[in-house]
Amino acid sequence: MDSAARIADKKDWIKGATGDWEIVLGLEVHAQVLARSKLFSAASAEFGGDPNDHVSIVDAAMPGMLPVINEFCVEQACARVLASRPRSIGSRSSTARIISIRTCRRATRSPNTSSRWWARARLPSISMAAGASKSASSASTSSRTPASRSTISIRAWSFVDLNRSGCALMEIVSKPDMRSADEAKAYVTKLRQIMRYLGTCDGNMEQGSLRADINVSVRRPGAAFGTRCEIKNVNSIRFMGQAIEYEARRQIGILEDGGSIDQETRLFDARKGETRSMRSKEEAHDYRYFPDPDLLPLELEEAWVKAIESSLPELPDEKKARFIKSYGLSPYDAGVLVAERSSSAFFEDVAKGRDGKQAANWVINELFGRLNKEGKTIDETPVSAAQLGEIVDLIGDGTISGKIAKDVFEIVWTEAGSPRKIVEERGLKQVTDSSAIDRAVADILAANPDKVEQVKTKPTMLGWFVGQVMKASGGKANPQAVSDKLRERLGIN
């Protein structure tokens, strides 16, 4: 479907004073390639460092210096293209002013995705570009009281830091296919996830390695496209949603008051939650692109592209589908586990040869819950996949109960060691001796004759008795054995 013909879902329409409006969105995502060196020079692309510490004579544009394309960066861009469907890479790409390398002609959507917004978000091109430098200013002032009749002196300096200049950026441009802030946020979240899986970009938006320019316009539902404004360099998915909502309502207010929208570039002020004008919008010719005589057209050999394709990892949507089918997980649990490549790998190590649902429950609820509480990532977990898998085994073979397992998890989190050895040394084994359980059940029944009468007419009270026996045993009794014994003694089927 042509992007102009698509009408937003009614739930995404914005109520104005004079009727309904819909948002039209197109995004240009800038993702810094995870490479040790820059796109056209051997200077370090590492984040941080003192100003102008990572600069070569090529980055500084010294006369006579010739750029050399970083093959690894081109490879990473091709991997990102090949991770989309249908896979299509132009065999010949143009270069201009040492700024952009066209690496693909079209790429539309991720495979096996159930998300309609992703299927609709067409990616007509992915380009490679060299990052710009960073400027900063400093000023000092001095003054006296008016009575001194002295003048105010101002000294100011402008600084240019070339550390970022020349770092390889992927520019991923979508068509105006999105119709709400939620769709745009989900689109960038998915792009970020795929690039992290591929290892092409770390996706650290707070460091500026992933950011988005958002083209926003509004129209009456189904009408022609309106005049768009571009919001530059938004570096937070949450801020993206805020910027889109504010800008759409700003434009609606102007149009409903009889005004017109000026095509311009705007910035989002996160503190005020609003956009503000930056400059009038440039057209393509304003950038004055022209073929660079020092960079020949880029030729991509078919065998080289196929080698990249064969090395691609299993992507998130494919992995999610496999987790649902192979491990019997719910779509929600599978989605949580595949959110990060490292998380999915950890889960598979835990689930290997074990019950997938049990493994997922412990990874998601116990491990992820504790990591979130401690502010740690999966790469910082003190509990290894082997240790967590051993806890699952101890539950599975009846050595410990679920309650004891949580105590063991806490011990392993703080003290490390083998869970099985901890259970043995600390006497944490589950009580399965039928005579011991029978005595505990008899004691609880004898101490609560009134509740014994009640449970005969209200069988759901059985859980209360199970809890009392478990409490009396210090959580060591086998819950199933306790339930079976209680049913036998109380005559409940």
Protein backbone atom coordinates (compact mmCIF):
# COMPACT_ATOMS: atom_id res chain seq x y z
CA MET A 1 0.00 0.00 0.00
CA ASP A 2 1.21 3.49 -0.83
CA SER A 3 2.20 5.26 2.39
CA ALA A 4 -0.05 8.25 1.63
CA ALA A 5 -3.10 5.98 1.37
CA ARG A 6 -2.69 4.42 4.77
CA ILE A 7 -4.96 5.91 7.44
CA ALA A 8 -4.10 5.64 11.12
CA ASP A 9 -6.19 3.53 13.47
CA LYS A 10 -8.93 5.67 14.98
CA LYS A 11 -7.47 5.18 18.45
CA ASP A 12 -4.39 7.10 17.23
CA TRP A 13 -6.32 10.08 15.87
CA ILE A 14 -5.85 13.35 17.74
CA LYS A 15 -8.96 15.28 18.70
CA GLY A 16 -8.68 18.92 17.66
CA ALA A 17 -11.02 21.85 18.18
CA THR A 18 -12.31 21.49 14.61
CA GLY A 19 -12.18 17.73 14.14
CA ASP A 20 -9.86 14.73 13.99
CA TRP A 21 -6.23 14.72 12.85
CA GLU A 22 -3.65 12.05 12.25
CA ILE A 23 0.15 12.12 12.53
CA VAL A 24 2.41 11.15 9.64
CA LEU A 25 5.93 10.13 10.62
CA GLY A 26 9.14 9.24 8.83
CA LEU A 27 12.41 8.57 10.64
CA GLU A 28 16.10 8.80 9.85
CA VAL A 29 18.03 6.78 12.42
CA HIS A 30 21.76 7.40 12.84
CA ALA A 31 23.63 4.43 14.29
CA GLN A 32 27.37 4.54 14.96
CA VAL A 33 29.08 1.40 13.71
CA LEU A 34 30.95 -0.67 16.29
CA ALA A 35 34.37 -0.39 14.71
CA ARG A 36 37.83 0.18 16.15
CA SER A 37 38.70 2.79 13.52
CA LYS A 38 36.89 5.46 11.54
CA LEU A 39 35.22 5.23 8.14
CA PHE A 40 38.01 6.79 6.09
CA SER A 41 41.03 6.74 8.42
CA ALA A 42 42.85 4.52 10.91
CA ALA A 43 42.14 6.87 13.85
CA SER A 44 40.43 5.32 16.88
CA ALA A 45 36.62 5.39 16.94
CA GLU A 46 36.50 4.76 20.70
CA PHE A 47 33.98 6.81 22.66
CA GLY A 48 35.40 9.45 25.01
CA GLY A 49 39.01 10.53 25.34
CA ASP A 50 40.45 14.00 25.60
CA PRO A 51 39.44 16.47 22.86
CA ASN A 52 41.21 15.82 19.54
CA ASP A 53 42.88 12.71 20.96
CA HIS A 54 41.44 10.42 18.25
CA VAL A 55 42.25 12.39 15.11
CA SER A 56 44.24 11.63 11.97
CA ILE A 57 45.36 13.99 9.23
CA VAL A 58 42.49 12.63 7.12
CA ASP A 59 39.90 13.58 9.79
CA ALA A 60 41.47 17.04 10.03
CA ALA A 61 41.08 17.46 6.25
CA MET A 62 44.75 18.24 5.70
CA PRO A 63 45.54 19.08 2.04
CA GLY A 64 46.51 16.12 -0.09
CA MET A 65 45.30 13.43 2.34
CA LEU A 66 43.43 10.60 0.63
CA PRO A 67 40.61 8.68 2.36
CA VAL A 68 40.56 4.88 2.40
CA ILE A 69 37.24 3.11 2.98
CA ASN A 70 37.06 0.92 6.08
CA GLU A 71 35.95 -2.48 4.74
CA PHE A 72 34.68 -3.62 8.13
CA CYS A 73 32.25 -0.69 8.32
CA VAL A 74 30.86 -1.51 4.88
CA GLU A 75 30.51 -5.14 5.98
CA GLN A 76 28.51 -4.09 9.03
CA ALA A 77 26.17 -1.98 6.91
CA CYS A 78 25.64 -4.89 4.53
CA ALA A 79 24.85 -7.16 7.48
CA ARG A 80 22.15 -4.73 8.58
CA VAL A 81 20.65 -4.71 5.08
CA LEU A 82 20.73 -8.50 4.86
CA ALA A 83 18.90 -8.75 8.18
CA SER A 84 15.82 -7.27 6.44
CA ARG A 85 13.41 -8.80 3.93
CA PRO A 86 13.48 -8.87 1.02
CA ARG A 87 17.25 -8.88 1.04
CA SER A 88 18.60 -6.55 -1.61
CA ILE A 89 22.00 -4.94 -1.91
CA GLY A 90 23.09 -2.86 -4.86
CA SER A 91 26.23 -4.26 -6.43
CA ARG A 92 27.43 -0.74 -7.17
CA SER A 93 27.15 2.20 -4.75
CA SER A 94 27.99 5.84 -5.27
CA THR A 95 30.06 8.10 -3.02
CA ALA A 96 29.90 11.84 -2.54
CA ARG A 97 32.15 14.35 -0.74
CA ILE A 98 33.57 11.64 1.54
CA ILE A 99 30.19 11.71 3.28
CA SER A 100 27.99 8.86 2.12
CA ILE A 101 28.30 5.36 0.70
CA ARG A 102 25.07 3.89 -0.61
CA THR A 103 25.02 0.25 0.38
CA CYS A 104 21.52 -0.89 -0.44
CA ARG A 105 18.65 -0.12 -2.74
CA ARG A 106 15.78 -1.40 -0.67
CA ALA A 107 14.97 -3.39 2.42
CA THR A 108 11.50 -3.57 3.84
CA ARG A 109 10.97 -5.63 6.96
CA SER A 110 12.28 -8.11 9.46
CA PRO A 111 11.46 -11.80 8.93
CA ASN A 112 8.76 -13.68 10.84
CA THR A 113 7.52 -10.63 12.68
CA SER A 114 3.94 -10.41 13.86
CA SER A 115 4.12 -6.65 14.32
CA ARG A 116 2.09 -4.84 11.67
CA TRP A 117 3.89 -1.54 12.29
CA TRP A 118 7.24 -3.16 11.45
CA ALA A 119 5.93 -4.81 8.31
CA ARG A 120 4.66 -1.43 7.12
CA ALA A 121 7.86 0.49 7.86
CA ARG A 122 9.69 0.47 4.54
CA LEU A 123 13.44 1.08 4.53
CA PRO A 124 14.22 2.31 1.01
CA SER A 125 17.89 2.91 1.75
CA ILE A 126 20.68 2.53 4.25
CA SER A 127 23.68 4.77 3.76
CA MET A 128 27.09 5.01 5.36
CA ALA A 129 28.26 8.45 6.44
CA ALA A 130 31.21 9.97 8.25
CA GLY A 131 30.28 11.62 11.55
CA ALA A 132 30.74 15.35 12.13
CA SER A 133 32.99 17.04 14.68
CA LYS A 134 31.76 18.59 17.91
CA SER A 135 31.98 22.29 18.73
CA ALA A 136 31.96 24.02 22.10
CA SER A 137 32.24 27.60 23.27
CA SER A 138 33.66 29.26 26.35
CA ALA A 139 33.36 32.86 27.45
CA SER A 140 34.55 34.98 30.38
CA THR A 141 33.33 38.43 31.35
CA SER A 142 34.52 41.15 33.68
CA SER A 143 32.71 44.34 34.78
CA ARG A 144 32.69 47.10 37.36
CA THR A 145 29.95 49.24 38.84
CA PRO A 146 28.61 52.05 36.63
CA ALA A 147 30.26 54.57 38.97
CA SER A 148 33.68 53.34 37.84
CA ARG A 149 32.79 54.32 34.25
CA SER A 150 34.77 51.29 33.05
CA THR A 151 33.57 49.19 30.12
CA ILE A 152 32.60 45.53 30.24
CA SER A 153 35.12 43.24 28.57
CA ILE A 154 34.17 39.89 27.09
CA ARG A 155 36.55 37.22 25.92
CA ALA A 156 35.23 34.17 24.08
CA TRP A 157 36.68 31.11 22.42
CA SER A 158 35.23 28.46 20.15
CA PHE A 159 36.62 24.95 20.27
CA VAL A 160 36.33 22.08 17.78
CA ASP A 161 36.76 18.48 18.92
CA LEU A 162 37.44 16.13 15.98
CA ASN A 163 37.23 12.89 17.98
CA ARG A 164 33.82 12.06 16.49
CA SER A 165 34.71 13.35 13.04
CA GLY A 166 34.93 10.49 10.60
CA CYS A 167 33.30 7.83 12.81
CA ALA A 168 31.17 5.55 10.65
CA LEU A 169 27.43 6.11 10.87
CA MET A 170 24.63 4.09 9.33
CA GLU A 171 21.79 6.30 8.17
CA ILE A 172 18.60 4.23 8.09
CA VAL A 173 15.80 6.15 6.40
CA SER A 174 12.16 5.08 6.48
CA LYS A 175 9.25 6.13 4.31
CA PRO A 176 6.47 8.17 6.01
CA ASP A 177 4.67 4.96 7.01
CA MET A 178 4.18 5.48 10.75
CA ARG A 179 1.07 7.05 12.23
CA SER A 180 1.66 7.36 15.97
CA ALA A 181 4.36 8.01 18.56
CA ASP A 182 3.98 4.42 19.78
CA GLU A 183 4.70 3.05 16.30
CA ALA A 184 7.79 5.23 15.97
CA LYS A 185 9.08 4.17 19.40
CA ALA A 186 8.46 0.50 18.63
CA TYR A 187 10.21 0.89 15.25
CA VAL A 188 13.38 2.35 16.80
CA THR A 189 13.28 -0.23 19.59
CA LYS A 190 13.19 -3.03 16.99
CA LEU A 191 15.99 -1.47 14.91
CA ARG A 192 18.10 -1.11 18.05
CA GLN A 193 17.46 -4.74 19.01
CA ILE A 194 18.42 -6.07 15.58
CA MET A 195 21.61 -4.01 15.43
CA ARG A 196 22.62 -5.23 18.87
CA TYR A 197 22.04 -8.83 17.78
CA LEU A 198 24.20 -8.23 14.71
CA GLY A 199 26.88 -6.41 16.70
CA THR A 200 26.76 -3.49 14.25
CA CYS A 201 25.90 -0.88 16.90
CA ASP A 202 25.78 -0.92 20.71
CA GLY A 203 22.61 1.19 20.72
CA ASN A 204 23.75 3.34 23.64
CA MET A 205 21.53 6.35 23.03
CA GLU A 206 22.81 8.21 26.09
CA GLN A 207 26.29 8.23 24.50
CA GLY A 208 24.92 9.34 21.13
CA SER A 209 25.73 6.13 19.28
CA LEU A 210 22.07 5.85 18.28
CA ARG A 211 19.80 8.81 17.65
CA ALA A 212 16.93 9.73 15.38
CA ASP A 213 15.75 12.62 13.23
CA ILE A 214 11.94 12.60 13.20
CA ASN A 215 9.89 14.08 10.35
CA VAL A 216 6.46 15.05 11.71
CA SER A 217 3.42 16.33 9.86
CA VAL A 218 -0.32 16.25 10.48
CA ARG A 219 -3.33 15.92 8.19
CA ARG A 220 -7.01 15.23 8.24
CA PRO A 221 -7.47 11.41 8.19
CA GLY A 222 -6.80 10.23 4.64
CA ALA A 223 -6.00 13.69 3.24
CA ALA A 224 -2.84 14.69 1.38
CA PHE A 225 0.40 14.90 3.32
CA GLY A 226 0.94 18.14 5.23
CA THR A 227 4.12 20.19 5.53
CA ARG A 228 6.64 18.38 7.69
CA CYS A 229 9.05 19.60 10.34
CA GLU A 230 12.15 17.66 11.29
CA ILE A 231 13.12 17.16 14.93
CA LYS A 232 16.89 16.62 15.05
CA ASN A 233 19.05 14.28 17.11
CA VAL A 234 16.61 12.80 19.61
CA ASN A 235 18.65 10.42 21.77
CA SER A 236 16.00 8.71 23.91
CA ILE A 237 13.05 6.54 22.91
CA ARG A 238 10.99 8.13 25.69
CA PHE A 239 11.89 11.62 24.45
CA MET A 240 10.91 10.56 20.92
CA GLY A 241 7.36 9.93 22.07
CA GLN A 242 7.20 13.25 23.92
CA ALA A 243 8.66 15.20 20.98
CA ILE A 244 6.20 13.68 18.48
CA GLU A 245 3.15 14.32 20.67
CA TYR A 246 4.15 17.92 21.34
CA GLU A 247 5.06 18.72 17.74
CA ALA A 248 1.84 17.21 16.37
CA ARG A 249 -0.30 19.25 18.73
CA ARG A 250 1.73 22.39 17.96
CA GLN A 251 1.07 21.97 14.24
CA ILE A 252 -2.62 21.20 14.79
CA GLY A 253 -2.98 24.36 16.86
CA ILE A 254 -1.43 26.49 14.10
CA LEU A 255 -3.58 24.95 11.36
CA GLU A 256 -6.81 25.24 13.33
CA ASP A 257 -6.05 28.92 13.94
CA GLY A 258 -5.85 29.44 10.17
CA GLY A 259 -2.05 29.49 9.93
CA SER A 260 0.37 27.41 7.86
CA ILE A 261 3.30 25.19 8.80
CA ASP A 262 6.80 26.34 7.87
CA GLN A 263 9.08 23.51 6.81
CA GLU A 264 11.93 23.75 9.28
CA THR A 265 14.36 21.88 11.49
CA ARG A 266 13.54 21.87 15.20
CA LEU A 267 15.15 20.67 18.42
CA PHE A 268 13.46 18.97 21.38
CA ASP A 269 13.99 20.51 24.81
CA ALA A 270 13.62 17.57 27.21
CA ARG A 271 13.46 19.81 30.28
CA LYS A 272 10.52 21.81 28.96
CA GLY A 273 9.01 18.94 26.98
CA GLU A 274 8.69 21.04 23.83
CA THR A 275 10.25 21.56 20.42
CA ARG A 276 11.79 24.85 19.29
CA SER A 277 12.89 26.19 15.93
CA MET A 278 16.51 25.61 14.93
CA ARG A 279 16.68 26.68 11.28
CA SER A 280 14.70 26.64 8.05
CA LYS A 281 14.75 23.24 6.42
CA GLU A 282 17.49 22.59 3.89
CA GLU A 283 16.77 20.75 0.69
CA ALA A 284 19.14 18.16 -0.72
CA HIS A 285 20.77 20.64 -3.07
CA ASP A 286 21.68 22.88 -0.11
CA TYR A 287 24.16 20.24 1.03
CA ARG A 288 25.91 20.52 -2.35
CA TYR A 289 26.67 16.85 -2.75
CA PHE A 290 28.93 15.92 -5.64
CA PRO A 291 30.93 12.81 -6.56
CA ASP A 292 34.23 12.67 -4.69
CA PRO A 293 37.16 12.25 -7.09
CA ASP A 294 39.19 10.45 -4.40
CA LEU A 295 36.54 7.76 -3.85
CA LEU A 296 35.71 5.40 -6.68
CA PRO A 297 32.24 3.81 -6.84
CA LEU A 298 32.00 0.96 -4.37
CA GLU A 299 31.79 -2.46 -6.00
CA LEU A 300 30.37 -5.28 -3.84
CA GLU A 301 31.24 -8.77 -5.06
CA GLU A 302 28.40 -11.28 -4.85
CA ALA A 303 30.55 -13.91 -3.12
CA TRP A 304 31.57 -11.38 -0.45
CA VAL A 305 27.94 -10.42 0.20
CA LYS A 306 26.91 -14.10 0.41
CA ALA A 307 29.67 -14.75 2.94
CA ILE A 308 28.29 -11.97 5.12
CA GLU A 309 24.78 -13.36 4.74
CA SER A 310 25.86 -16.86 5.78
CA SER A 311 27.46 -15.47 8.96
CA LEU A 312 24.34 -13.63 10.18
CA PRO A 313 23.10 -14.77 13.61
CA GLU A 314 19.56 -15.91 14.34
CA LEU A 315 17.53 -12.71 14.59
CA PRO A 316 15.14 -11.82 17.45
CA ASP A 317 11.85 -12.66 15.71
CA GLU A 318 13.21 -15.98 14.44
CA LYS A 319 14.54 -16.81 17.90
CA LYS A 320 11.27 -15.87 19.56
CA ALA A 321 9.32 -18.18 17.25
CA ARG A 322 11.76 -21.03 17.99
CA PHE A 323 11.53 -20.49 21.77
CA ILE A 324 7.72 -20.69 21.60
CA LYS A 325 7.83 -23.87 19.53
CA SER A 326 10.80 -25.68 21.07
CA TYR A 327 10.41 -24.75 24.74
CA GLY A 328 6.65 -24.25 24.92
CA LEU A 329 6.99 -20.67 26.14
CA SER A 330 4.32 -18.01 25.98
CA PRO A 331 4.86 -15.20 23.44
CA TYR A 332 5.39 -12.78 26.33
CA ASP A 333 8.08 -14.87 28.05
CA ALA A 334 9.81 -15.59 24.74
CA GLY A 335 9.77 -11.86 23.95
CA VAL A 336 11.38 -10.99 27.29
CA LEU A 337 14.12 -13.57 26.79
CA VAL A 338 15.06 -12.52 23.25
CA ALA A 339 15.09 -8.78 24.03
CA GLU A 340 18.89 -8.98 24.25
CA ARG A 341 21.13 -11.50 22.55
CA SER A 342 23.06 -12.15 25.77
CA SER A 343 19.81 -12.83 27.68
CA SER A 344 18.62 -15.36 25.11
CA ALA A 345 21.99 -17.13 25.16
CA PHE A 346 21.92 -17.29 28.97
CA PHE A 347 18.42 -18.80 28.92
CA GLU A 348 19.41 -21.46 26.41
CA ASP A 349 22.36 -22.47 28.57
CA VAL A 350 19.99 -22.86 31.54
CA ALA A 351 17.32 -24.71 29.54
CA LYS A 352 19.70 -27.16 27.86
CA GLY A 353 18.34 -30.65 28.65
CA ARG A 354 15.82 -29.24 31.14
CA ASP A 355 12.19 -28.15 31.28
CA GLY A 356 12.04 -24.95 29.22
CA LYS A 357 9.14 -23.38 31.11
CA GLN A 358 10.80 -23.99 34.47
CA ALA A 359 14.07 -22.55 33.19
CA ALA A 360 12.30 -19.49 31.75
CA ASN A 361 10.47 -18.91 35.04
CA TRP A 362 13.74 -18.84 36.98
CA VAL A 363 15.58 -16.68 34.47
CA ILE A 364 12.78 -14.12 34.11
CA ASN A 365 11.32 -13.94 37.61
CA GLU A 366 14.21 -14.69 39.93
CA LEU A 367 17.34 -13.73 37.99
CA PHE A 368 16.05 -10.76 35.95
CA GLY A 369 14.07 -9.54 38.96
CA ARG A 370 17.18 -9.52 41.15
CA LEU A 371 19.34 -7.97 38.40
CA ASN A 372 16.82 -5.13 37.98
CA LYS A 373 16.75 -4.58 41.72
CA GLU A 374 20.54 -4.39 41.86
CA GLY A 375 20.83 -2.29 38.70
CA LYS A 376 22.94 -4.94 36.95
CA THR A 377 22.90 -6.35 33.43
CA ILE A 378 22.91 -10.03 32.47
CA ASP A 379 26.64 -9.72 31.79
CA GLU A 380 27.18 -8.73 35.43
CA THR A 381 25.18 -11.53 37.04
CA PRO A 382 26.95 -13.33 39.93
CA VAL A 383 24.80 -16.41 39.28
CA SER A 384 25.99 -18.32 36.23
CA ALA A 385 23.77 -20.27 33.84
CA ALA A 386 25.33 -23.50 35.13
CA GLN A 387 24.43 -22.62 38.74
CA LEU A 388 20.88 -21.62 37.86
CA GLY A 389 20.50 -24.79 35.81
CA GLU A 390 21.63 -26.81 38.83
CA ILE A 391 18.95 -25.17 40.97
CA VAL A 392 16.34 -26.14 38.36
CA ASP A 393 17.69 -29.72 38.47
CA LEU A 394 17.41 -29.84 42.27
CA ILE A 395 13.76 -28.81 42.03
CA GLY A 396 13.10 -31.26 39.22
CA ASP A 397 14.51 -34.31 41.03
CA GLY A 398 12.68 -33.43 44.27
CA THR A 399 15.81 -32.63 46.26
CA ILE A 400 14.50 -29.18 47.21
CA SER A 401 11.18 -27.36 47.07
CA GLY A 402 10.55 -24.10 45.25
CA LYS A 403 10.76 -22.19 48.54
CA ILE A 404 14.10 -23.76 49.45
CA ALA A 405 15.29 -23.09 45.91
CA LYS A 406 14.79 -19.34 46.46
CA ASP A 407 16.89 -19.55 49.62
CA VAL A 408 19.60 -21.40 47.71
CA PHE A 409 19.49 -18.77 44.96
CA GLU A 410 20.11 -16.03 47.55
CA ILE A 411 23.08 -17.93 48.96
CA VAL A 412 24.58 -18.46 45.49
CA TRP A 413 24.02 -14.77 44.64
CA THR A 414 26.04 -13.59 47.64
CA GLU A 415 28.44 -16.46 48.31
CA ALA A 416 28.81 -18.36 45.01
CA GLY A 417 29.47 -22.11 45.08
CA SER A 418 27.69 -25.19 43.80
CA PRO A 419 23.95 -25.19 44.63
CA ARG A 420 23.95 -28.98 45.11
CA LYS A 421 26.90 -28.78 47.49
CA ILE A 422 25.23 -25.95 49.41
CA VAL A 423 22.07 -28.04 49.83
CA GLU A 424 24.10 -31.02 51.08
CA GLU A 425 26.31 -29.09 53.50
CA ARG A 426 23.53 -26.94 55.00
CA GLY A 427 20.92 -29.65 55.35
CA LEU A 428 18.46 -28.01 52.99
CA LYS A 429 17.16 -31.20 51.41
CA GLN A 430 13.43 -31.52 51.04
CA VAL A 431 11.71 -33.86 53.51
CA THR A 432 10.19 -36.74 51.56
CA ASP A 433 10.02 -39.31 54.38
CA SER A 434 6.35 -40.29 54.51
CA SER A 435 6.38 -41.01 58.25
CA ALA A 436 7.79 -37.53 59.05
CA ILE A 437 5.20 -35.89 56.80
CA ASP A 438 2.45 -38.03 58.32
CA ARG A 439 3.38 -36.87 61.83
CA ALA A 440 3.43 -33.21 60.77
CA VAL A 441 0.00 -33.55 59.09
CA ALA A 442 -1.45 -35.28 62.15
CA ASP A 443 -0.20 -32.51 64.45
CA ILE A 444 -1.74 -29.75 62.30
CA LEU A 445 -5.10 -31.56 62.01
CA ALA A 446 -5.23 -32.20 65.76
CA ALA A 447 -4.50 -28.54 66.52
CA ASN A 448 -7.25 -27.22 64.19
CA PRO A 449 -10.43 -29.34 64.62
CA ASP A 450 -12.72 -26.46 63.63
CA LYS A 451 -10.98 -26.01 60.30
CA VAL A 452 -11.03 -29.78 59.74
CA GLU A 453 -14.84 -29.60 59.81
CA GLN A 454 -14.87 -26.60 57.48
CA VAL A 455 -12.60 -28.15 54.85
CA LYS A 456 -15.02 -31.05 54.39
CA THR A 457 -17.58 -28.63 52.93
CA LYS A 458 -15.03 -26.18 51.52
CA PRO A 459 -12.20 -28.18 49.87
CA THR A 460 -10.43 -25.00 48.74
CA MET A 461 -9.24 -24.63 52.34
CA LEU A 462 -6.82 -27.49 51.70
CA GLY A 463 -4.21 -24.93 50.67
CA TRP A 464 -4.30 -23.45 54.18
CA PHE A 465 -3.43 -26.85 55.70
CA VAL A 466 -0.61 -27.34 53.17
CA GLY A 467 0.80 -23.97 54.15
CA GLN A 468 0.68 -24.81 57.86
CA VAL A 469 2.48 -28.12 57.37
CA MET A 470 5.12 -26.47 55.19
CA LYS A 471 5.62 -23.79 57.84
CA ALA A 472 5.98 -26.42 60.57
CA SER A 473 8.62 -28.25 58.50
CA GLY A 474 10.61 -25.08 57.83
CA GLY A 475 9.67 -25.27 54.17
CA LYS A 476 11.48 -28.59 53.77
CA ALA A 477 8.49 -30.88 53.30
CA ASN A 478 7.61 -31.97 49.79
CA PRO A 479 4.49 -29.89 48.95
CA GLN A 480 2.97 -32.58 46.72
CA ALA A 481 3.51 -35.27 49.34
CA VAL A 482 1.94 -33.01 51.96
CA SER A 483 -1.09 -32.35 49.74
CA ASP A 484 -1.53 -36.06 49.00
CA LYS A 485 -1.32 -36.99 52.70
CA LEU A 486 -3.83 -34.29 53.68
CA ARG A 487 -6.30 -35.43 51.02
CA GLU A 488 -5.95 -39.00 52.29
CA ARG A 489 -6.50 -38.03 55.94
CA LEU A 490 -9.39 -35.63 55.21
CA GLY A 491 -11.09 -37.85 52.63
CA ILE A 492 -10.90 -35.22 49.88
CA ASN A 493 -10.64 -36.45 46.30
